[in-house]
């Protein structure tokens, strides 16, 4: 009985903390501070050199993207996101088993939250969201695992490439997982990654419909024709659609057209 009581108390604390994080992170009355923690996912010299050259400017396009989209939605807070680059970590987050059941997933989530709390425990600046970016040498790992973002704990784990030519694509993944932490859902089919219509299209009212000029961030792919789409390479090609805006509690009564010219 004592063990059950302790477990129930832990679950109650987790539930209350999750509700509080959800409420605070989607009021949009002040900027959310997003901390980027780089991690070397391998022992490659390429990865080490890439991390050594990282600076805050590498992530400024993410701030600019959210400012641009906030203006389109007439959000009261014009700077919804502020990025903060932290020193590289030497530890790696606990891995999620692809075959884990519900209980194992819950335990993994608690382990990840505890690990993230310890990783950021020495920082005195505010951190609303923590994104842990594991960089891989593309020559050693040409395909990385799926990244993830958790509303519970406001934590993201991003698998990225340690290559300057992939900076734009890395930022798209970071922004995508960032929105997962504040309640946005994927807008693509799990079976084949096809953007869903209309929520996964950059502009479902575009005439002609194909090729789409933009991609929806939570789909991550720009539709070229029926049954054809391509991965976007930078946030210049991406927008936040109305369905995603509703999920993160942005106003959708008046939306300006995207002021960009993706090709």
C-alpha atoms as a PDB file:
ATOM      1  CA  UNK A   1       0.000   0.000   0.000  1.00  0.00           C
ATOM      2  CA  UNK A   2       2.855   2.365   0.806  1.00  0.00           C
ATOM      3  CA  UNK A   3       4.462   1.738  -2.589  1.00  0.00           C
ATOM      4  CA  UNK A   4       1.168   2.347  -4.361  1.00  0.00           C
ATOM      5  CA  UNK A   5       0.674   5.570  -2.403  1.00  0.00           C
ATOM      6  CA  UNK A   6       4.160   6.795  -3.308  1.00  0.00           C
ATOM      7  CA  UNK A   7       3.572   5.966  -6.982  1.00  0.00           C
ATOM      8  CA  UNK A   8       0.243   7.817  -6.952  1.00  0.00           C
ATOM      9  CA  UNK A   9       1.881  10.840  -5.349  1.00  0.00           C
ATOM     10  CA  UNK A  10       4.624  10.842  -7.991  1.00  0.00           C
ATOM     11  CA  UNK A  11       2.034  10.615 -10.760  1.00  0.00           C
ATOM     12  CA  UNK A  12       0.033  13.443  -9.178  1.00  0.00           C
ATOM     13  CA  UNK A  13       3.100  15.688  -8.996  1.00  0.00           C
ATOM     14  CA  UNK A  14       3.972  14.869 -12.624  1.00  0.00           C
ATOM     15  CA  UNK A  15       0.423  15.626 -13.759  1.00  0.00           C
ATOM     16  CA  UNK A  16       0.296  18.955 -11.903  1.00  0.00           C
ATOM     17  CA  UNK A  17       3.724  19.960 -13.191  1.00  0.00           C
ATOM     18  CA  UNK A  18       2.732  19.071 -16.754  1.00  0.00           C
ATOM     19  CA  UNK A  19      -0.456  21.134 -16.499  1.00  0.00           C
ATOM     20  CA  UNK A  20       1.483  24.087 -15.075  1.00  0.00           C
ATOM     21  CA  UNK A  21       4.112  23.864 -17.844  1.00  0.00           C
ATOM     22  CA  UNK A  22       1.410  23.645 -20.501  1.00  0.00           C
ATOM     23  CA  UNK A  23      -0.435  26.670 -19.160  1.00  0.00           C
ATOM     24  CA  UNK A  24       2.693  28.794 -18.711  1.00  0.00           C
ATOM     25  CA  UNK A  25       4.273  27.881 -22.053  1.00  0.00           C
ATOM     26  CA  UNK A  26       1.215  28.722 -24.168  1.00  0.00           C
ATOM     27  CA  UNK A  27       0.162  32.063 -22.672  1.00  0.00           C
ATOM     28  CA  UNK A  28       2.558  33.889 -25.053  1.00  0.00           C
ATOM     29  CA  UNK A  29       2.684  36.959 -22.834  1.00  0.00           C
ATOM     30  CA  UNK A  30       6.464  36.889 -22.671  1.00  0.00           C
ATOM     31  CA  UNK A  31       9.171  35.112 -24.656  1.00  0.00           C
ATOM     32  CA  UNK A  32       9.910  31.470 -24.031  1.00  0.00           C
ATOM     33  CA  UNK A  33      13.596  30.892 -23.383  1.00  0.00           C
ATOM     34  CA  UNK A  34      14.798  27.863 -25.317  1.00  0.00           C
ATOM     35  CA  UNK A  35      18.146  26.401 -24.246  1.00  0.00           C
ATOM     36  CA  UNK A  36      20.125  24.428 -26.845  1.00  0.00           C
ATOM     37  CA  UNK A  37      22.458  21.809 -25.385  1.00  0.00           C
ATOM     38  CA  UNK A  38      24.820  20.385 -28.036  1.00  0.00           C
ATOM     39  CA  UNK A  39      26.033  16.803 -27.571  1.00  0.00           C
ATOM     40  CA  UNK A  40      28.502  14.821 -29.640  1.00  0.00           C
ATOM     41  CA  UNK A  41      26.728  11.608 -30.614  1.00  0.00           C
ATOM     42  CA  UNK A  42      29.977   9.951 -31.765  1.00  0.00           C
ATOM     43  CA  UNK A  43      33.724  10.223 -31.320  1.00  0.00           C
ATOM     44  CA  UNK A  44      34.377  11.598 -34.811  1.00  0.00           C
ATOM     45  CA  UNK A  45      36.810  14.485 -35.214  1.00  0.00           C
ATOM     46  CA  UNK A  46      34.321  16.005 -37.665  1.00  0.00           C
ATOM     47  CA  UNK A  47      31.689  16.160 -34.926  1.00  0.00           C
ATOM     48  CA  UNK A  48      34.166  17.553 -32.386  1.00  0.00           C
ATOM     49  CA  UNK A  49      35.267  20.342 -34.745  1.00  0.00           C
ATOM     50  CA  UNK A  50      31.655  21.168 -35.592  1.00  0.00           C
ATOM     51  CA  UNK A  51      30.694  21.527 -31.914  1.00  0.00           C
ATOM     52  CA  UNK A  52      33.779  23.633 -31.211  1.00  0.00           C
ATOM     53  CA  UNK A  53      32.706  26.083 -33.930  1.00  0.00           C
ATOM     54  CA  UNK A  54      29.069  26.363 -32.780  1.00  0.00           C
ATOM     55  CA  UNK A  55      27.896  29.827 -31.820  1.00  0.00           C
ATOM     56  CA  UNK A  56      24.576  31.440 -30.938  1.00  0.00           C
ATOM     57  CA  UNK A  57      24.217  32.898 -34.446  1.00  0.00           C
ATOM     58  CA  UNK A  58      23.729  29.371 -35.786  1.00  0.00           C
ATOM     59  CA  UNK A  59      20.280  29.287 -34.152  1.00  0.00           C
ATOM     60  CA  UNK A  60      19.154  32.871 -34.819  1.00  0.00           C
ATOM     61  CA  UNK A  61      17.097  31.774 -37.870  1.00  0.00           C
ATOM     62  CA  UNK A  62      14.804  29.926 -35.438  1.00  0.00           C
ATOM     63  CA  UNK A  63      14.102  33.154 -33.547  1.00  0.00           C
ATOM     64  CA  UNK A  64      13.537  34.960 -36.838  1.00  0.00           C
ATOM     65  CA  UNK A  65      11.146  32.289 -38.056  1.00  0.00           C
ATOM     66  CA  UNK A  66       8.950  32.514 -34.968  1.00  0.00           C
ATOM     67  CA  UNK A  67       8.981  36.323 -35.087  1.00  0.00           C
ATOM     68  CA  UNK A  68       7.863  36.210 -38.734  1.00  0.00           C
ATOM     69  CA  UNK A  69       5.062  33.743 -38.018  1.00  0.00           C
ATOM     70  CA  UNK A  70       3.962  35.570 -34.859  1.00  0.00           C
ATOM     71  CA  UNK A  71       3.562  38.715 -36.941  1.00  0.00           C
ATOM     72  CA  UNK A  72       1.431  36.825 -39.477  1.00  0.00           C
ATOM     73  CA  UNK A  73      -0.881  35.685 -36.678  1.00  0.00           C
ATOM     74  CA  UNK A  74      -0.894  39.096 -34.964  1.00  0.00           C
ATOM     75  CA  UNK A  75       0.356  37.509 -31.764  1.00  0.00           C
ATOM     76  CA  UNK A  76       0.665  40.013 -28.938  1.00  0.00           C
ATOM     77  CA  UNK A  77       4.175  38.809 -28.091  1.00  0.00           C
ATOM     78  CA  UNK A  78       6.267  39.634 -31.177  1.00  0.00           C
ATOM     79  CA  UNK A  79       9.316  37.737 -29.887  1.00  0.00           C
ATOM     80  CA  UNK A  80       7.772  34.438 -28.824  1.00  0.00           C
ATOM     81  CA  UNK A  81      11.065  32.507 -28.751  1.00  0.00           C
ATOM     82  CA  UNK A  82      14.535  33.441 -27.517  1.00  0.00           C
ATOM     83  CA  UNK A  83      17.318  30.943 -28.164  1.00  0.00           C
ATOM     84  CA  UNK A  84      20.156  30.307 -25.716  1.00  0.00           C
ATOM     85  CA  UNK A  85      23.205  28.208 -26.600  1.00  0.00           C
ATOM     86  CA  UNK A  86      24.690  26.241 -23.709  1.00  0.00           C
ATOM     87  CA  UNK A  87      28.079  24.575 -23.386  1.00  0.00           C
ATOM     88  CA  UNK A  88      28.292  21.088 -24.936  1.00  0.00           C
ATOM     89  CA  UNK A  89      27.366  18.172 -22.684  1.00  0.00           C
ATOM     90  CA  UNK A  90      29.421  15.034 -22.368  1.00  0.00           C
ATOM     91  CA  UNK A  91      26.572  12.783 -21.228  1.00  0.00           C
ATOM     92  CA  UNK A  92      23.888  11.535 -23.573  1.00  0.00           C
ATOM     93  CA  UNK A  93      20.181  11.310 -22.713  1.00  0.00           C
ATOM     94  CA  UNK A  94      18.616   7.941 -21.873  1.00  0.00           C
ATOM     95  CA  UNK A  95      17.548   6.102 -24.994  1.00  0.00           C
ATOM     96  CA  UNK A  96      13.961   5.121 -25.719  1.00  0.00           C
ATOM     97  CA  UNK A  97      13.439   1.503 -26.773  1.00  0.00           C
ATOM     98  CA  UNK A  98      11.386   1.262 -30.004  1.00  0.00           C
ATOM     99  CA  UNK A  99       9.586  -1.788 -28.566  1.00  0.00           C
ATOM    100  CA  UNK A 100       8.834  -0.265 -25.161  1.00  0.00           C
ATOM    101  CA  UNK A 101       5.345  -0.726 -23.750  1.00  0.00           C
ATOM    102  CA  UNK A 102       3.264   1.872 -21.937  1.00  0.00           C
ATOM    103  CA  UNK A 103       4.895   1.324 -18.536  1.00  0.00           C
ATOM    104  CA  UNK A 104       8.417   1.290 -19.986  1.00  0.00           C
ATOM    105  CA  UNK A 105       7.656   4.490 -21.903  1.00  0.00           C
ATOM    106  CA  UNK A 106       6.413   6.182 -18.731  1.00  0.00           C
ATOM    107  CA  UNK A 107       9.553   5.154 -16.847  1.00  0.00           C
ATOM    108  CA  UNK A 108      11.754   6.327 -19.714  1.00  0.00           C
ATOM    109  CA  UNK A 109       9.968   9.690 -19.725  1.00  0.00           C
ATOM    110  CA  UNK A 110      10.624  10.111 -15.999  1.00  0.00           C
ATOM    111  CA  UNK A 111      14.286   9.139 -16.473  1.00  0.00           C
ATOM    112  CA  UNK A 112      14.650  11.656 -19.302  1.00  0.00           C
ATOM    113  CA  UNK A 113      13.096  14.426 -17.241  1.00  0.00           C
ATOM    114  CA  UNK A 114      15.391  13.683 -14.321  1.00  0.00           C
ATOM    115  CA  UNK A 115      18.408  13.553 -16.635  1.00  0.00           C
ATOM    116  CA  UNK A 116      17.426  16.886 -18.222  1.00  0.00           C
ATOM    117  CA  UNK A 117      16.934  18.455 -14.806  1.00  0.00           C
ATOM    118  CA  UNK A 118      20.431  17.373 -13.753  1.00  0.00           C
ATOM    119  CA  UNK A 119      21.954  18.497 -17.063  1.00  0.00           C
ATOM    120  CA  UNK A 120      20.594  22.024 -16.696  1.00  0.00           C
ATOM    121  CA  UNK A 121      20.828  22.266 -12.938  1.00  0.00           C
ATOM    122  CA  UNK A 122      23.908  24.510 -12.923  1.00  0.00           C
ATOM    123  CA  UNK A 123      22.443  27.211 -15.185  1.00  0.00           C
ATOM    124  CA  UNK A 124      21.269  30.448 -13.560  1.00  0.00           C
ATOM    125  CA  UNK A 125      19.522  31.918 -16.630  1.00  0.00           C
ATOM    126  CA  UNK A 126      15.843  31.114 -17.289  1.00  0.00           C
ATOM    127  CA  UNK A 127      15.126  27.979 -19.322  1.00  0.00           C
ATOM    128  CA  UNK A 128      11.531  27.319 -20.291  1.00  0.00           C
ATOM    129  CA  UNK A 129      12.337  24.640 -22.873  1.00  0.00           C
ATOM    130  CA  UNK A 130      15.436  22.477 -23.147  1.00  0.00           C
ATOM    131  CA  UNK A 131      16.470  21.020 -26.496  1.00  0.00           C
ATOM    132  CA  UNK A 132      19.276  18.465 -26.458  1.00  0.00           C
ATOM    133  CA  UNK A 133      20.828  18.238 -29.925  1.00  0.00           C
ATOM    134  CA  UNK A 134      22.895  15.134 -30.636  1.00  0.00           C
ATOM    135  CA  UNK A 135      25.189  15.818 -33.579  1.00  0.00           C
ATOM    136  CA  UNK A 136      26.351  12.993 -35.851  1.00  0.00           C
ATOM    137  CA  UNK A 137      29.115  12.790 -38.420  1.00  0.00           C
ATOM    138  CA  UNK A 138      27.095  12.181 -41.643  1.00  0.00           C
ATOM    139  CA  UNK A 139      29.888   9.980 -43.001  1.00  0.00           C
ATOM    140  CA  UNK A 140      29.400   7.612 -40.059  1.00  0.00           C
ATOM    141  CA  UNK A 141      25.628   8.006 -39.622  1.00  0.00           C
ATOM    142  CA  UNK A 142      23.921   8.905 -42.913  1.00  0.00           C
ATOM    143  CA  UNK A 143      20.465   8.410 -41.351  1.00  0.00           C
ATOM    144  CA  UNK A 144      19.647   9.485 -37.803  1.00  0.00           C
ATOM    145  CA  UNK A 145      16.822   8.304 -35.495  1.00  0.00           C
ATOM    146  CA  UNK A 146      13.556  10.183 -35.198  1.00  0.00           C
ATOM    147  CA  UNK A 147      13.767  13.251 -32.988  1.00  0.00           C
ATOM    148  CA  UNK A 148      11.161  13.878 -30.319  1.00  0.00           C
ATOM    149  CA  UNK A 149       9.607  16.654 -28.265  1.00  0.00           C
ATOM    150  CA  UNK A 150       7.786  16.120 -24.975  1.00  0.00           C
ATOM    151  CA  UNK A 151       5.174  18.389 -23.433  1.00  0.00           C
ATOM    152  CA  UNK A 152       5.924  16.634 -20.141  1.00  0.00           C
ATOM    153  CA  UNK A 153       8.945  18.531 -18.925  1.00  0.00           C
ATOM    154  CA  UNK A 154       9.196  20.749 -22.035  1.00  0.00           C
ATOM    155  CA  UNK A 155      12.101  18.688 -23.378  1.00  0.00           C
ATOM    156  CA  UNK A 156      13.248  18.007 -26.924  1.00  0.00           C
ATOM    157  CA  UNK A 157      15.801  15.464 -28.137  1.00  0.00           C
ATOM    158  CA  UNK A 158      16.999  16.238 -31.666  1.00  0.00           C
ATOM    159  CA  UNK A 159      19.227  14.041 -33.811  1.00  0.00           C
ATOM    160  CA  UNK A 160      21.143  16.311 -36.186  1.00  0.00           C
ATOM    161  CA  UNK A 161      24.103  16.284 -38.564  1.00  0.00           C
ATOM    162  CA  UNK A 162      27.482  17.846 -37.819  1.00  0.00           C
ATOM    163  CA  UNK A 163      27.774  19.455 -41.257  1.00  0.00           C
ATOM    164  CA  UNK A 164      27.516  23.190 -42.080  1.00  0.00           C
ATOM    165  CA  UNK A 165      25.435  22.477 -45.190  1.00  0.00           C
ATOM    166  CA  UNK A 166      22.832  20.835 -42.926  1.00  0.00           C
ATOM    167  CA  UNK A 167      22.423  23.826 -40.590  1.00  0.00           C
ATOM    168  CA  UNK A 168      19.154  24.886 -42.213  1.00  0.00           C
ATOM    169  CA  UNK A 169      17.640  21.406 -42.066  1.00  0.00           C
ATOM    170  CA  UNK A 170      18.829  20.995 -38.464  1.00  0.00           C
ATOM    171  CA  UNK A 171      17.023  24.216 -37.513  1.00  0.00           C
ATOM    172  CA  UNK A 172      13.808  22.933 -39.090  1.00  0.00           C
ATOM    173  CA  UNK A 173      13.958  19.813 -36.907  1.00  0.00           C
ATOM    174  CA  UNK A 174      14.718  21.867 -33.790  1.00  0.00           C
ATOM    175  CA  UNK A 175      11.757  24.197 -34.470  1.00  0.00           C
ATOM    176  CA  UNK A 176       9.524  21.181 -35.179  1.00  0.00           C
ATOM    177  CA  UNK A 177      10.379  19.469 -31.883  1.00  0.00           C
ATOM    178  CA  UNK A 178      10.166  22.783 -30.040  1.00  0.00           C
ATOM    179  CA  UNK A 179       6.519  23.083 -31.103  1.00  0.00           C
ATOM    180  CA  UNK A 180       5.880  19.508 -29.972  1.00  0.00           C
ATOM    181  CA  UNK A 181       6.861  20.582 -26.458  1.00  0.00           C
ATOM    182  CA  UNK A 182       4.094  23.221 -26.420  1.00  0.00           C
ATOM    183  CA  UNK A 183       1.392  20.944 -27.772  1.00  0.00           C
ATOM    184  CA  UNK A 184       1.667  20.793 -31.575  1.00  0.00           C
ATOM    185  CA  UNK A 185       1.033  17.456 -33.283  1.00  0.00           C
ATOM    186  CA  UNK A 186       2.571  15.973 -36.417  1.00  0.00           C
ATOM    187  CA  UNK A 187       0.822  16.819 -39.694  1.00  0.00           C
ATOM    188  CA  UNK A 188       2.069  13.886 -41.769  1.00  0.00           C
ATOM    189  CA  UNK A 189       1.076  10.253 -42.190  1.00  0.00           C
ATOM    190  CA  UNK A 190       3.164   7.914 -40.052  1.00  0.00           C
ATOM    191  CA  UNK A 191       3.137   5.222 -42.722  1.00  0.00           C
ATOM    192  CA  UNK A 192       4.907   7.170 -45.485  1.00  0.00           C
ATOM    193  CA  UNK A 193       5.626  10.696 -44.147  1.00  0.00           C
ATOM    194  CA  UNK A 194       3.127  12.204 -46.610  1.00  0.00           C
ATOM    195  CA  UNK A 195       1.870  15.659 -45.515  1.00  0.00           C
ATOM    196  CA  UNK A 196      -1.782  15.488 -44.530  1.00  0.00           C
ATOM    197  CA  UNK A 197      -4.318  17.568 -46.403  1.00  0.00           C
ATOM    198  CA  UNK A 198      -5.208  20.271 -45.503  1.00  0.00           C
ATOM    199  CA  UNK A 199      -3.351  20.587 -42.164  1.00  0.00           C
ATOM    200  CA  UNK A 200       0.043  19.492 -43.510  1.00  0.00           C
ATOM    201  CA  UNK A 201       0.087  21.809 -46.530  1.00  0.00           C
ATOM    202  CA  UNK A 202       1.763  25.204 -46.402  1.00  0.00           C
ATOM    203  CA  UNK A 203      -1.203  26.725 -48.241  1.00  0.00           C
ATOM    204  CA  UNK A 204      -4.104  24.314 -48.860  1.00  0.00           C
ATOM    205  CA  UNK A 205      -5.993  27.099 -50.708  1.00  0.00           C
ATOM    206  CA  UNK A 206      -3.192  27.746 -53.192  1.00  0.00           C
ATOM    207  CA  UNK A 207      -4.258  27.791 -56.860  1.00  0.00           C
ATOM    208  CA  UNK A 208      -3.019  25.723 -58.518  1.00  0.00           C
ATOM    209  CA  UNK A 209      -2.531  23.449 -55.525  1.00  0.00           C
ATOM    210  CA  UNK A 210       0.753  21.953 -56.758  1.00  0.00           C
ATOM    211  CA  UNK A 211       3.585  22.454 -56.290  1.00  0.00           C
ATOM    212  CA  UNK A 212       3.183  23.982 -52.853  1.00  0.00           C
ATOM    213  CA  UNK A 213       5.329  27.076 -52.357  1.00  0.00           C
ATOM    214  CA  UNK A 214       5.772  26.350 -48.654  1.00  0.00           C
ATOM    215  CA  UNK A 215       5.687  23.467 -46.193  1.00  0.00           C
ATOM    216  CA  UNK A 216       3.855  23.302 -42.875  1.00  0.00           C
ATOM    217  CA  UNK A 217       6.414  23.027 -40.060  1.00  0.00           C
ATOM    218  CA  UNK A 218       4.757  20.043 -38.398  1.00  0.00           C
ATOM    219  CA  UNK A 219       4.750  18.189 -41.732  1.00  0.00           C
ATOM    220  CA  UNK A 220       8.305  19.161 -42.618  1.00  0.00           C
ATOM    221  CA  UNK A 221       7.880  18.382 -46.314  1.00  0.00           C
ATOM    222  CA  UNK A 222       6.765  20.481 -49.260  1.00  0.00           C
ATOM    223  CA  UNK A 223       4.217  18.803 -51.534  1.00  0.00           C
ATOM    224  CA  UNK A 224       5.239  18.904 -55.200  1.00  0.00           C
ATOM    225  CA  UNK A 225       2.400  16.913 -56.748  1.00  0.00           C
ATOM    226  CA  UNK A 226      -0.021  14.111 -55.887  1.00  0.00           C
ATOM    227  CA  UNK A 227       2.134  11.460 -54.221  1.00  0.00           C
ATOM    228  CA  UNK A 228       5.333  13.538 -54.382  1.00  0.00           C
ATOM    229  CA  UNK A 229       6.962  15.654 -51.677  1.00  0.00           C
ATOM    230  CA  UNK A 230      10.433  16.724 -50.579  1.00  0.00           C
ATOM    231  CA  UNK A 231      12.149  17.478 -47.302  1.00  0.00           C
ATOM    232  CA  UNK A 232      12.626  21.188 -46.669  1.00  0.00           C
ATOM    233  CA  UNK A 233      16.152  22.501 -46.231  1.00  0.00           C
ATOM    234  CA  UNK A 234      15.563  25.661 -44.206  1.00  0.00           C
ATOM    235  CA  UNK A 235      12.955  27.606 -42.257  1.00  0.00           C
ATOM    236  CA  UNK A 236      12.641  29.972 -45.229  1.00  0.00           C
ATOM    237  CA  UNK A 237      10.456  27.286 -46.828  1.00  0.00           C
ATOM    238  CA  UNK A 238       8.228  26.706 -43.799  1.00  0.00           C
ATOM    239  CA  UNK A 239       5.111  28.204 -42.198  1.00  0.00           C
ATOM    240  CA  UNK A 240       2.955  27.483 -39.160  1.00  0.00           C
ATOM    241  CA  UNK A 241      -0.503  26.453 -40.347  1.00  0.00           C
ATOM    242  CA  UNK A 242      -3.821  27.307 -38.631  1.00  0.00           C
ATOM    243  CA  UNK A 243      -4.257  23.796 -37.192  1.00  0.00           C
ATOM    244  CA  UNK A 244      -0.865  24.002 -35.482  1.00  0.00           C
ATOM    245  CA  UNK A 245      -1.563  27.579 -34.358  1.00  0.00           C
ATOM    246  CA  UNK A 246      -4.735  26.414 -32.609  1.00  0.00           C
ATOM    247  CA  UNK A 247      -2.835  23.641 -30.829  1.00  0.00           C
ATOM    248  CA  UNK A 248      -0.255  26.062 -29.441  1.00  0.00           C
ATOM    249  CA  UNK A 249      -2.939  28.661 -28.645  1.00  0.00           C
ATOM    250  CA  UNK A 250      -2.098  31.299 -31.199  1.00  0.00           C
ATOM    251  CA  UNK A 251      -4.979  33.483 -32.475  1.00  0.00           C
ATOM    252  CA  UNK A 252      -6.373  32.401 -35.843  1.00  0.00           C
ATOM    253  CA  UNK A 253      -9.077  35.011 -36.396  1.00  0.00           C
ATOM    254  CA  UNK A 254      -6.881  37.030 -38.759  1.00  0.00           C
ATOM    255  CA  UNK A 255      -3.901  35.481 -40.546  1.00  0.00           C
ATOM    256  CA  UNK A 256      -1.718  37.263 -43.079  1.00  0.00           C
ATOM    257  CA  UNK A 257      -0.431  35.411 -46.122  1.00  0.00           C
ATOM    258  CA  UNK A 258       3.167  34.165 -45.932  1.00  0.00           C
ATOM    259  CA  UNK A 259       5.582  36.879 -47.053  1.00  0.00           C
ATOM    260  CA  UNK A 260       8.171  34.545 -48.525  1.00  0.00           C
ATOM    261  CA  UNK A 261       9.085  33.076 -51.857  1.00  0.00           C
ATOM    262  CA  UNK A 262      10.275  29.497 -51.326  1.00  0.00           C
ATOM    263  CA  UNK A 263      11.269  27.613 -54.445  1.00  0.00           C
END
